[in-house]
Amino acid sequence: MSADGRAGASVSRRRPRASRRTDAQHVLGDEDASLLDIVDNVLNKGVVITGDITIALAQVDLIYARLSLLLCAADRILPSEDPDPMFRRRARRARRALANRGT
């Protein structure tokens, strides 16, 4: 007991809990991200968006469509090409010449 007759208050020191990271923080990181950073990250990793559309009339389904959209940078899905446009042009001409010889 203290001098004024009150029981001493115990001070407990709790360790601060680490907050759980959201999916967005896991993907984008902890630093501030601009719109350009977000678009760059989405194009580098790619995103697939899927959805279903049903067109109905008088409670009768007339048309059902399942849609999928792949959004990513073109260099992720296209075969790698030489950055030199003249080299690509010569390669295309060579492929055409080979195709024309075969016919």
PDB file of N, CA and C in Angstrom:
ATOM      1  N   MET A   1       0.833  -1.182   0.000  1.00  0.00           N
ATOM      2  CA  MET A   1       0.000   0.000   0.000  1.00  0.00           C
ATOM      3  C   MET A   1       0.871   1.236   0.000  1.00  0.00           C
ATOM      4  N   SER A   2       0.308   2.275  -0.625  1.00  0.00           N
ATOM      5  CA  SER A   2       1.060   3.522  -0.684  1.00  0.00           C
ATOM      6  C   SER A   2       0.757   4.350   0.559  1.00  0.00           C
ATOM      7  N   ALA A   3       1.405   5.482   0.683  1.00  0.00           N
ATOM      8  CA  ALA A   3       1.263   6.327   1.859  1.00  0.00           C
ATOM      9  C   ALA A   3      -0.148   6.859   2.008  1.00  0.00           C
ATOM     10  N   ASP A   4      -0.886   7.056   0.933  1.00  0.00           N
ATOM     11  CA  ASP A   4      -2.246   7.600   1.056  1.00  0.00           C
ATOM     12  C   ASP A   4      -3.291   6.503   1.256  1.00  0.00           C
ATOM     13  N   GLY A   5      -2.886   5.247   1.387  1.00  0.00           N
ATOM     14  CA  GLY A   5      -3.790   4.171   1.722  1.00  0.00           C
ATOM     15  C   GLY A   5      -4.351   3.408   0.525  1.00  0.00           C
ATOM     16  N   ARG A   6      -3.973   3.790  -0.673  1.00  0.00           N
ATOM     17  CA  ARG A   6      -4.486   3.074  -1.852  1.00  0.00           C
ATOM     18  C   ARG A   6      -3.541   1.943  -2.220  1.00  0.00           C
ATOM     19  N   ALA A   7      -4.132   0.919  -2.748  1.00  0.00           N
ATOM     20  CA  ALA A   7      -3.311  -0.191  -3.206  1.00  0.00           C
ATOM     21  C   ALA A   7      -2.569   0.268  -4.459  1.00  0.00           C
ATOM     22  N   GLY A   8      -1.345  -0.163  -4.540  1.00  0.00           N
ATOM     23  CA  GLY A   8      -0.534   0.238  -5.687  1.00  0.00           C
ATOM     24  C   GLY A   8      -1.068  -0.372  -6.986  1.00  0.00           C
ATOM     25  N   ALA A   9      -1.159   0.447  -7.995  1.00  0.00           N
ATOM     26  CA  ALA A   9      -1.647  -0.025  -9.303  1.00  0.00           C
ATOM     27  C   ALA A   9      -0.491  -0.692 -10.026  1.00  0.00           C
ATOM     28  N   SER A  10      -0.768  -1.863 -10.477  1.00  0.00           N
ATOM     29  CA  SER A  10       0.286  -2.546 -11.215  1.00  0.00           C
ATOM     30  C   SER A  10       0.210  -2.099 -12.680  1.00  0.00           C
ATOM     31  N   VAL A  11       1.333  -1.836 -13.199  1.00  0.00           N
ATOM     32  CA  VAL A  11       1.399  -1.394 -14.593  1.00  0.00           C
ATOM     33  C   VAL A  11       1.882  -2.582 -15.413  1.00  0.00           C
ATOM     34  N   SER A  12       1.014  -3.033 -16.276  1.00  0.00           N
ATOM     35  CA  SER A  12       1.426  -4.144 -17.135  1.00  0.00           C
ATOM     36  C   SER A  12       1.834  -3.563 -18.485  1.00  0.00           C
ATOM     37  N   ARG A  13       2.923  -4.049 -18.938  1.00  0.00           N
ATOM     38  CA  ARG A  13       3.412  -3.576 -20.232  1.00  0.00           C
ATOM     39  C   ARG A  13       3.147  -4.672 -21.252  1.00  0.00           C
ATOM     40  N   ARG A  14       2.253  -4.370 -22.130  1.00  0.00           N
ATOM     41  CA  ARG A  14       1.925  -5.327 -23.175  1.00  0.00           C
ATOM     42  C   ARG A  14       2.719  -5.001 -24.418  1.00  0.00           C
ATOM     43  N   ARG A  15       3.123  -6.045 -25.067  1.00  0.00           N
ATOM     44  CA  ARG A  15       3.798  -5.850 -26.349  1.00  0.00           C
ATOM     45  C   ARG A  15       2.746  -5.520 -27.392  1.00  0.00           C
ATOM     46  N   PRO A  16       2.998  -4.526 -28.213  1.00  0.00           N
ATOM     47  CA  PRO A  16       2.000  -4.220 -29.247  1.00  0.00           C
ATOM     48  C   PRO A  16       1.884  -5.378 -30.230  1.00  0.00           C
ATOM     49  N   ARG A  17       0.644  -5.719 -30.527  1.00  0.00           N
ATOM     50  CA  ARG A  17       0.409  -6.816 -31.470  1.00  0.00           C
ATOM     51  C   ARG A  17       0.721  -6.350 -32.875  1.00  0.00           C
ATOM     52  N   ALA A  18       1.323  -7.222 -33.605  1.00  0.00           N
ATOM     53  CA  ALA A  18       1.584  -6.911 -35.006  1.00  0.00           C
ATOM     54  C   ALA A  18       0.267  -7.040 -35.765  1.00  0.00           C
ATOM     55  N   SER A  19      -0.075  -6.004 -36.504  1.00  0.00           N
ATOM     56  CA  SER A  19      -1.329  -6.046 -37.240  1.00  0.00           C
ATOM     57  C   SER A  19      -1.197  -7.006 -38.416  1.00  0.00           C
ATOM     58  N   ARG A  20      -2.286  -7.654 -38.740  1.00  0.00           N
ATOM     59  CA  ARG A  20      -2.282  -8.599 -39.850  1.00  0.00           C
ATOM     60  C   ARG A  20      -2.260  -7.830 -41.149  1.00  0.00           C
ATOM     61  N   ARG A  21      -1.471  -8.311 -42.088  1.00  0.00           N
ATOM     62  CA  ARG A  21      -1.368  -7.650 -43.384  1.00  0.00           C
ATOM     63  C   ARG A  21      -2.525  -8.088 -44.275  1.00  0.00           C
ATOM     64  N   THR A  22      -3.089  -7.131 -44.976  1.00  0.00           N
ATOM     65  CA  THR A  22      -4.147  -7.459 -45.923  1.00  0.00           C
ATOM     66  C   THR A  22      -3.521  -7.992 -47.203  1.00  0.00           C
ATOM     67  N   ASP A  23      -4.355  -8.558 -48.063  1.00  0.00           N
ATOM     68  CA  ASP A  23      -3.859  -9.063 -49.344  1.00  0.00           C
ATOM     69  C   ASP A  23      -3.253  -7.946 -50.172  1.00  0.00           C
ATOM     70  N   ALA A  24      -3.890  -6.775 -50.137  1.00  0.00           N
ATOM     71  CA  ALA A  24      -3.374  -5.646 -50.908  1.00  0.00           C
ATOM     72  C   ALA A  24      -1.994  -5.235 -50.402  1.00  0.00           C
ATOM     73  N   GLN A  25      -1.793  -5.209 -49.087  1.00  0.00           N
ATOM     74  CA  GLN A  25      -0.485  -4.854 -48.538  1.00  0.00           C
ATOM     75  C   GLN A  25       0.551  -5.914 -48.886  1.00  0.00           C
ATOM     76  N   HIS A  26       0.134  -7.160 -48.915  1.00  0.00           N
ATOM     77  CA  HIS A  26       1.055  -8.244 -49.263  1.00  0.00           C
ATOM     78  C   HIS A  26       1.511  -8.115 -50.711  1.00  0.00           C
ATOM     79  N   VAL A  27       0.590  -7.782 -51.616  1.00  0.00           N
ATOM     80  CA  VAL A  27       0.924  -7.672 -53.030  1.00  0.00           C
ATOM     81  C   VAL A  27       1.684  -6.388 -53.316  1.00  0.00           C
ATOM     82  N   LEU A  28       1.196  -5.266 -52.785  1.00  0.00           N
ATOM     83  CA  LEU A  28       1.770  -3.966 -53.128  1.00  0.00           C
ATOM     84  C   LEU A  28       2.927  -3.557 -52.237  1.00  0.00           C
ATOM     85  N   GLY A  29       3.039  -4.117 -51.060  1.00  0.00           N
ATOM     86  CA  GLY A  29       4.090  -3.724 -50.134  1.00  0.00           C
ATOM     87  C   GLY A  29       3.571  -2.680 -49.157  1.00  0.00           C
ATOM     88  N   ASP A  30       4.404  -2.306 -48.212  1.00  0.00           N
ATOM     89  CA  ASP A  30       3.986  -1.368 -47.166  1.00  0.00           C
ATOM     90  C   ASP A  30       4.138   0.095 -47.563  1.00  0.00           C
ATOM     91  N   GLU A  31       5.001   0.375 -48.511  1.00  0.00           N
ATOM     92  CA  GLU A  31       5.234   1.764 -48.881  1.00  0.00           C
ATOM     93  C   GLU A  31       4.036   2.317 -49.652  1.00  0.00           C
ATOM     94  N   ASP A  32       3.943   3.651 -49.681  1.00  0.00           N
ATOM     95  CA  ASP A  32       2.875   4.295 -50.428  1.00  0.00           C
ATOM     96  C   ASP A  32       3.027   3.971 -51.902  1.00  0.00           C
ATOM     97  N   ALA A  33       1.925   3.707 -52.558  1.00  0.00           N
ATOM     98  CA  ALA A  33       1.962   3.341 -53.971  1.00  0.00           C
ATOM     99  C   ALA A  33       1.120   4.327 -54.766  1.00  0.00           C
ATOM    100  N   SER A  34       1.666   4.782 -55.864  1.00  0.00           N
ATOM    101  CA  SER A  34       0.909   5.652 -56.747  1.00  0.00           C
ATOM    102  C   SER A  34       0.113   4.788 -57.712  1.00  0.00           C
ATOM    103  N   LEU A  35      -0.753   5.403 -58.487  1.00  0.00           N
ATOM    104  CA  LEU A  35      -1.534   4.670 -59.466  1.00  0.00           C
ATOM    105  C   LEU A  35      -0.621   4.002 -60.483  1.00  0.00           C
ATOM    106  N   LEU A  36       0.448   4.665 -60.853  1.00  0.00           N
ATOM    107  CA  LEU A  36       1.403   4.089 -61.799  1.00  0.00           C
ATOM    108  C   LEU A  36       2.043   2.827 -61.226  1.00  0.00           C
ATOM    109  N   ASP A  37       2.394   2.840 -59.936  1.00  0.00           N
ATOM    110  CA  ASP A  37       2.966   1.653 -59.299  1.00  0.00           C
ATOM    111  C   ASP A  37       1.976   0.490 -59.307  1.00  0.00           C
ATOM    112  N   ILE A  38       0.714   0.792 -59.044  1.00  0.00           N
ATOM    113  CA  ILE A  38      -0.307  -0.256 -59.001  1.00  0.00           C
ATOM    114  C   ILE A  38      -0.511  -0.862 -60.384  1.00  0.00           C
ATOM    115  N   VAL A  39      -0.624  -0.005 -61.413  1.00  0.00           N
ATOM    116  CA  VAL A  39      -0.810  -0.504 -62.775  1.00  0.00           C
ATOM    117  C   VAL A  39       0.399  -1.323 -63.208  1.00  0.00           C
ATOM    118  N   ASP A  40       1.602  -0.860 -62.893  1.00  0.00           N
ATOM    119  CA  ASP A  40       2.811  -1.595 -63.245  1.00  0.00           C
ATOM    120  C   ASP A  40       2.831  -2.965 -62.577  1.00  0.00           C
ATOM    121  N   ASN A  41       2.457  -3.016 -61.316  1.00  0.00           N
ATOM    122  CA  ASN A  41       2.435  -4.283 -60.585  1.00  0.00           C
ATOM    123  C   ASN A  41       1.395  -5.238 -61.169  1.00  0.00           C
ATOM    124  N   VAL A  42       0.213  -4.714 -61.510  1.00  0.00           N
ATOM    125  CA  VAL A  42      -0.838  -5.555 -62.090  1.00  0.00           C
ATOM    126  C   VAL A  42      -0.395  -6.107 -63.433  1.00  0.00           C
ATOM    127  N   LEU A  43       0.231  -5.259 -64.270  1.00  0.00           N
ATOM    128  CA  LEU A  43       0.659  -5.728 -65.585  1.00  0.00           C
ATOM    129  C   LEU A  43       1.802  -6.728 -65.482  1.00  0.00           C
ATOM    130  N   ASN A  44       2.684  -6.566 -64.512  1.00  0.00           N
ATOM    131  CA  ASN A  44       3.786  -7.512 -64.349  1.00  0.00           C
ATOM    132  C   ASN A  44       3.304  -8.867 -63.857  1.00  0.00           C
ATOM    133  N   LYS A  45       2.372  -8.884 -62.927  1.00  0.00           N
ATOM    134  CA  LYS A  45       1.909 -10.145 -62.351  1.00  0.00           C
ATOM    135  C   LYS A  45       0.739 -10.731 -63.118  1.00  0.00           C
ATOM    136  N   GLY A  46      -0.108  -9.886 -63.678  1.00  0.00           N
ATOM    137  CA  GLY A  46      -1.272 -10.346 -64.426  1.00  0.00           C
ATOM    138  C   GLY A  46      -2.477 -10.521 -63.520  1.00  0.00           C
ATOM    139  N   VAL A  47      -3.641 -10.322 -64.119  1.00  0.00           N
ATOM    140  CA  VAL A  47      -4.897 -10.445 -63.390  1.00  0.00           C
ATOM    141  C   VAL A  47      -5.882 -11.178 -64.289  1.00  0.00           C
ATOM    142  N   VAL A  48      -6.641 -12.096 -63.724  1.00  0.00           N
ATOM    143  CA  VAL A  48      -7.713 -12.766 -64.450  1.00  0.00           C
ATOM    144  C   VAL A  48      -9.029 -12.358 -63.810  1.00  0.00           C
ATOM    145  N   ILE A  49      -9.922 -11.828 -64.639  1.00  0.00           N
ATOM    146  CA  ILE A  49     -11.240 -11.414 -64.179  1.00  0.00           C
ATOM    147  C   ILE A  49     -12.258 -12.325 -64.854  1.00  0.00           C
ATOM    148  N   THR A  50     -13.115 -12.942 -64.060  1.00  0.00           N
ATOM    149  CA  THR A  50     -14.133 -13.823 -64.617  1.00  0.00           C
ATOM    150  C   THR A  50     -15.510 -13.353 -64.161  1.00  0.00           C
ATOM    151  N   GLY A  51     -16.503 -13.651 -64.969  1.00  0.00           N
ATOM    152  CA  GLY A  51     -17.862 -13.262 -64.621  1.00  0.00           C
ATOM    153  C   GLY A  51     -18.866 -14.057 -65.426  1.00  0.00           C
ATOM    154  N   ASP A  52     -20.078 -14.077 -64.942  1.00  0.00           N
ATOM    155  CA  ASP A  52     -21.177 -14.757 -65.614  1.00  0.00           C
ATOM    156  C   ASP A  52     -22.259 -13.739 -65.927  1.00  0.00           C
ATOM    157  N   ILE A  53     -22.849 -13.853 -67.119  1.00  0.00           N
ATOM    158  CA  ILE A  53     -23.945 -12.976 -67.522  1.00  0.00           C
ATOM    159  C   ILE A  53     -25.112 -13.862 -67.930  1.00  0.00           C
ATOM    160  N   THR A  54     -26.276 -13.553 -67.402  1.00  0.00           N
ATOM    161  CA  THR A  54     -27.483 -14.269 -67.785  1.00  0.00           C
ATOM    162  C   THR A  54     -28.522 -13.249 -68.213  1.00  0.00           C
ATOM    163  N   ILE A  55     -29.052 -13.421 -69.407  1.00  0.00           N
ATOM    164  CA  ILE A  55     -30.126 -12.559 -69.893  1.00  0.00           C
ATOM    165  C   ILE A  55     -31.401 -13.384 -69.834  1.00  0.00           C
ATOM    166  N   ALA A  56     -32.378 -12.859 -69.091  1.00  0.00           N
ATOM    167  CA  ALA A  56     -33.624 -13.589 -68.879  1.00  0.00           C
ATOM    168  C   ALA A  56     -34.809 -12.702 -69.217  1.00  0.00           C
ATOM    169  N   LEU A  57     -35.887 -13.337 -69.616  1.00  0.00           N
ATOM    170  CA  LEU A  57     -37.133 -12.642 -69.902  1.00  0.00           C
ATOM    171  C   LEU A  57     -38.257 -13.446 -69.260  1.00  0.00           C
ATOM    172  N   ALA A  58     -39.009 -12.813 -68.408  1.00  0.00           N
ATOM    173  CA  ALA A  58     -40.132 -13.455 -67.710  1.00  0.00           C
ATOM    174  C   ALA A  58     -39.668 -14.705 -66.963  1.00  0.00           C
ATOM    175  N   GLN A  59     -38.590 -14.560 -66.220  1.00  0.00           N
ATOM    176  CA  GLN A  59     -38.040 -15.630 -65.389  1.00  0.00           C
ATOM    177  C   GLN A  59     -37.546 -16.834 -66.200  1.00  0.00           C
ATOM    178  N   VAL A  60     -37.291 -16.641 -67.511  1.00  0.00           N
ATOM    179  CA  VAL A  60     -36.758 -17.706 -68.357  1.00  0.00           C
ATOM    180  C   VAL A  60     -35.390 -17.262 -68.856  1.00  0.00           C
ATOM    181  N   ASP A  61     -34.374 -18.061 -68.538  1.00  0.00           N
ATOM    182  CA  ASP A  61     -33.024 -17.728 -68.989  1.00  0.00           C
ATOM    183  C   ASP A  61     -32.912 -17.942 -70.491  1.00  0.00           C
ATOM    184  N   LEU A  62     -32.588 -16.865 -71.213  1.00  0.00           N
ATOM    185  CA  LEU A  62     -32.461 -16.957 -72.660  1.00  0.00           C
ATOM    186  C   LEU A  62     -31.011 -17.118 -73.094  1.00  0.00           C
ATOM    187  N   ILE A  63     -30.127 -16.345 -72.500  1.00  0.00           N
ATOM    188  CA  ILE A  63     -28.708 -16.377 -72.880  1.00  0.00           C
ATOM    189  C   ILE A  63     -27.873 -16.435 -71.610  1.00  0.00           C
ATOM    190  N   TYR A  64     -26.911 -17.332 -71.621  1.00  0.00           N
ATOM    191  CA  TYR A  64     -25.960 -17.444 -70.507  1.00  0.00           C
ATOM    192  C   TYR A  64     -24.563 -17.354 -71.106  1.00  0.00           C
ATOM    193  N   ALA A  65     -23.732 -16.502 -70.541  1.00  0.00           N
ATOM    194  CA  ALA A  65     -22.359 -16.360 -71.031  1.00  0.00           C
ATOM    195  C   ALA A  65     -21.407 -16.321 -69.844  1.00  0.00           C
ATOM    196  N   ARG A  66     -20.321 -17.053 -69.957  1.00  0.00           N
ATOM    197  CA  ARG A  66     -19.256 -17.009 -68.961  1.00  0.00           C
ATOM    198  C   ARG A  66     -18.073 -16.304 -69.611  1.00  0.00           C
ATOM    199  N   LEU A  67     -17.605 -15.235 -68.988  1.00  0.00           N
ATOM    200  CA  LEU A  67     -16.544 -14.410 -69.553  1.00  0.00           C
ATOM    201  C   LEU A  67     -15.291 -14.499 -68.695  1.00  0.00           C
ATOM    202  N   SER A  68     -14.148 -14.511 -69.349  1.00  0.00           N
ATOM    203  CA  SER A  68     -12.853 -14.455 -68.658  1.00  0.00           C
ATOM    204  C   SER A  68     -11.996 -13.430 -69.369  1.00  0.00           C
ATOM    205  N   LEU A  69     -11.323 -12.603 -68.600  1.00  0.00           N
ATOM    206  CA  LEU A  69     -10.471 -11.560 -69.149  1.00  0.00           C
ATOM    207  C   LEU A  69      -9.096 -11.681 -68.513  1.00  0.00           C
ATOM    208  N   LEU A  70      -8.076 -11.757 -69.347  1.00  0.00           N
ATOM    209  CA  LEU A  70      -6.691 -11.796 -68.873  1.00  0.00           C
ATOM    210  C   LEU A  70      -6.073 -10.437 -69.123  1.00  0.00           C
ATOM    211  N   LEU A  71      -5.595  -9.806 -68.074  1.00  0.00           N
ATOM    212  CA  LEU A  71      -4.973  -8.497 -68.186  1.00  0.00           C
ATOM    213  C   LEU A  71      -3.537  -8.619 -67.695  1.00  0.00           C
ATOM    214  N   CYS A  72      -2.595  -8.479 -68.627  1.00  0.00           N
ATOM    215  CA  CYS A  72      -1.183  -8.527 -68.259  1.00  0.00           C
ATOM    216  C   CYS A  72      -0.380  -7.861 -69.366  1.00  0.00           C
ATOM    217  N   ALA A  73       0.882  -7.675 -69.139  1.00  0.00           N
ATOM    218  CA  ALA A  73       1.758  -7.069 -70.132  1.00  0.00           C
ATOM    219  C   ALA A  73       1.938  -8.042 -71.295  1.00  0.00           C
ATOM    220  N   ALA A  74       2.025  -7.494 -72.510  1.00  0.00           N
ATOM    221  CA  ALA A  74       2.115  -8.330 -73.703  1.00  0.00           C
ATOM    222  C   ALA A  74       3.370  -9.184 -73.704  1.00  0.00           C
ATOM    223  N   ASP A  75       4.454  -8.695 -73.141  1.00  0.00           N
ATOM    224  CA  ASP A  75       5.688  -9.485 -73.155  1.00  0.00           C
ATOM    225  C   ASP A  75       5.602 -10.707 -72.245  1.00  0.00           C
ATOM    226  N   ARG A  76       4.559 -10.795 -71.432  1.00  0.00           N
ATOM    227  CA  ARG A  76       4.372 -11.970 -70.574  1.00  0.00           C
ATOM    228  C   ARG A  76       3.782 -13.141 -71.338  1.00  0.00           C
ATOM    229  N   ILE A  77       2.973 -12.871 -72.378  1.00  0.00           N
ATOM    230  CA  ILE A  77       2.296 -13.958 -73.069  1.00  0.00           C
ATOM    231  C   ILE A  77       2.787 -14.155 -74.497  1.00  0.00           C
ATOM    232  N   LEU A  78       3.402 -13.142 -75.090  1.00  0.00           N
ATOM    233  CA  LEU A  78       3.922 -13.275 -76.443  1.00  0.00           C
ATOM    234  C   LEU A  78       5.326 -13.856 -76.414  1.00  0.00           C
ATOM    235  N   PRO A  79       5.713 -14.550 -77.481  1.00  0.00           N
ATOM    236  CA  PRO A  79       7.088 -15.059 -77.507  1.00  0.00           C
ATOM    237  C   PRO A  79       8.070 -13.889 -77.517  1.00  0.00           C
ATOM    238  N   SER A  80       9.222 -14.132 -76.951  1.00  0.00           N
ATOM    239  CA  SER A  80      10.199 -13.045 -76.882  1.00  0.00           C
ATOM    240  C   SER A  80      10.701 -12.714 -78.279  1.00  0.00           C
ATOM    241  N   GLU A  81      10.840 -11.435 -78.544  1.00  0.00           N
ATOM    242  CA  GLU A  81      11.318 -10.966 -79.827  1.00  0.00           C
ATOM    243  C   GLU A  81      12.514 -10.075 -79.606  1.00  0.00           C
ATOM    244  N   ASP A  82      13.304  -9.949 -80.632  1.00  0.00           N
ATOM    245  CA  ASP A  82      14.449  -9.055 -80.592  1.00  0.00           C
ATOM    246  C   ASP A  82      13.934  -7.618 -80.592  1.00  0.00           C
ATOM    247  N   PRO A  83      14.493  -6.735 -79.772  1.00  0.00           N
ATOM    248  CA  PRO A  83      14.005  -5.360 -79.737  1.00  0.00           C
ATOM    249  C   PRO A  83      14.347  -4.561 -80.996  1.00  0.00           C
ATOM    250  N   ASP A  84      15.251  -5.063 -81.821  1.00  0.00           N
ATOM    251  CA  ASP A  84      15.639  -4.356 -83.031  1.00  0.00           C
ATOM    252  C   ASP A  84      14.581  -4.579 -84.119  1.00  0.00           C
ATOM    253  N   PRO A  85      13.890  -3.514 -84.584  1.00  0.00           N
ATOM    254  CA  PRO A  85      12.834  -3.694 -85.575  1.00  0.00           C
ATOM    255  C   PRO A  85      13.357  -4.187 -86.922  1.00  0.00           C
ATOM    256  N   MET A  86      14.572  -3.812 -87.299  1.00  0.00           N
ATOM    257  CA  MET A  86      15.120  -4.266 -88.578  1.00  0.00           C
ATOM    258  C   MET A  86      15.383  -5.774 -88.557  1.00  0.00           C
ATOM    259  N   PHE A  87      15.847  -6.292 -87.441  1.00  0.00           N
ATOM    260  CA  PHE A  87      16.067  -7.736 -87.306  1.00  0.00           C
ATOM    261  C   PHE A  87      14.741  -8.483 -87.415  1.00  0.00           C
ATOM    262  N   ARG A  88      13.702  -7.952 -86.742  1.00  0.00           N
ATOM    263  CA  ARG A  88      12.388  -8.591 -86.810  1.00  0.00           C
ATOM    264  C   ARG A  88      11.853  -8.581 -88.240  1.00  0.00           C
ATOM    265  N   ARG A  89      12.067  -7.476 -88.954  1.00  0.00           N
ATOM    266  CA  ARG A  89      11.594  -7.375 -90.336  1.00  0.00           C
ATOM    267  C   ARG A  89      12.293  -8.414 -91.222  1.00  0.00           C
ATOM    268  N   ARG A  90      13.615  -8.547 -91.084  1.00  0.00           N
ATOM    269  CA  ARG A  90      14.355  -9.534 -91.870  1.00  0.00           C
ATOM    270  C   ARG A  90      13.886 -10.954 -91.532  1.00  0.00           C
ATOM    271  N   ALA A  91      13.622 -11.210 -90.268  1.00  0.00           N
ATOM    272  CA  ALA A  91      13.166 -12.541 -89.844  1.00  0.00           C
ATOM    273  C   ALA A  91      11.785 -12.835 -90.427  1.00  0.00           C
ATOM    274  N   ARG A  92      10.886 -11.856 -90.440  1.00  0.00           N
ATOM    275  CA  ARG A  92       9.563 -12.055 -91.037  1.00  0.00           C
ATOM    276  C   ARG A  92       9.679 -12.340 -92.529  1.00  0.00           C
ATOM    277  N   ARG A  93      10.541 -11.582 -93.210  1.00  0.00           N
ATOM    278  CA  ARG A  93      10.735 -11.802 -94.655  1.00  0.00           C
ATOM    279  C   ARG A  93      11.277 -13.209 -94.918  1.00  0.00           C
ATOM    280  N   ALA A  94      12.202 -13.653 -94.088  1.00  0.00           N
ATOM    281  CA  ALA A  94      12.770 -14.995 -94.268  1.00  0.00           C
ATOM    282  C   ALA A  94      11.698 -16.058 -94.058  1.00  0.00           C
ATOM    283  N   ARG A  95      10.837 -15.888 -93.047  1.00  0.00           N
ATOM    284  CA  ARG A  95       9.755 -16.846 -92.803  1.00  0.00           C
ATOM    285  C   ARG A  95       8.770 -16.868 -93.968  1.00  0.00           C
ATOM    286  N   ARG A  96       8.444 -15.687 -94.510  1.00  0.00           N
ATOM    287  CA  ARG A  96       7.535 -15.619 -95.662  1.00  0.00           C
ATOM    288  C   ARG A  96       8.153 -16.305 -96.882  1.00  0.00           C
ATOM    289  N   ALA A  97       9.456 -16.078 -97.094  1.00  0.00           N
ATOM    290  CA  ALA A  97      10.116 -16.703 -98.240  1.00  0.00           C
ATOM    291  C   ALA A  97      10.090 -18.218 -98.125  1.00  0.00           C
ATOM    292  N   LEU A  98      10.318 -18.734 -96.914  1.00  0.00           N
ATOM    293  CA  LEU A  98      10.247 -20.179 -96.714  1.00  0.00           C
ATOM    294  C   LEU A  98       8.838 -20.711 -96.940  1.00  0.00           C
ATOM    295  N   ALA A  99       7.839 -19.966 -96.497  1.00  0.00           N
ATOM    296  CA  ALA A  99       6.453 -20.388 -96.670  1.00  0.00           C
ATOM    297  C   ALA A  99       6.066 -20.366 -98.144  1.00  0.00           C
ATOM    298  N   ASN A 100       6.547 -19.375 -98.889  1.00  0.00           N
ATOM    299  CA  ASN A 100       6.215 -19.282-100.310  1.00  0.00           C
ATOM    300  C   ASN A 100       6.890 -20.375-101.129  1.00  0.00           C
ATOM    301  N   ARG A 101       8.073 -20.793-100.712  1.00  0.00           N
ATOM    302  CA  ARG A 101       8.766 -21.885-101.421  1.00  0.00           C
ATOM    303  C   ARG A 101       8.035 -23.203-101.262  1.00  0.00           C
ATOM    304  N   GLY A 102       7.411 -23.383-100.121  1.00  0.00           N
ATOM    305  CA  GLY A 102       6.715 -24.643 -99.858  1.00  0.00           C
ATOM    306  C   GLY A 102       5.417 -24.775-100.629  1.00  0.00           C
ATOM    307  N   THR A 103       4.877 -23.678-101.163  1.00  0.00           N
ATOM    308  CA  THR A 103       3.603 -23.765-101.893  1.00  0.00           C
ATOM    309  C   THR A 103       3.791 -23.855-103.380  1.00  0.00           C
TER     310      THR A 103
END
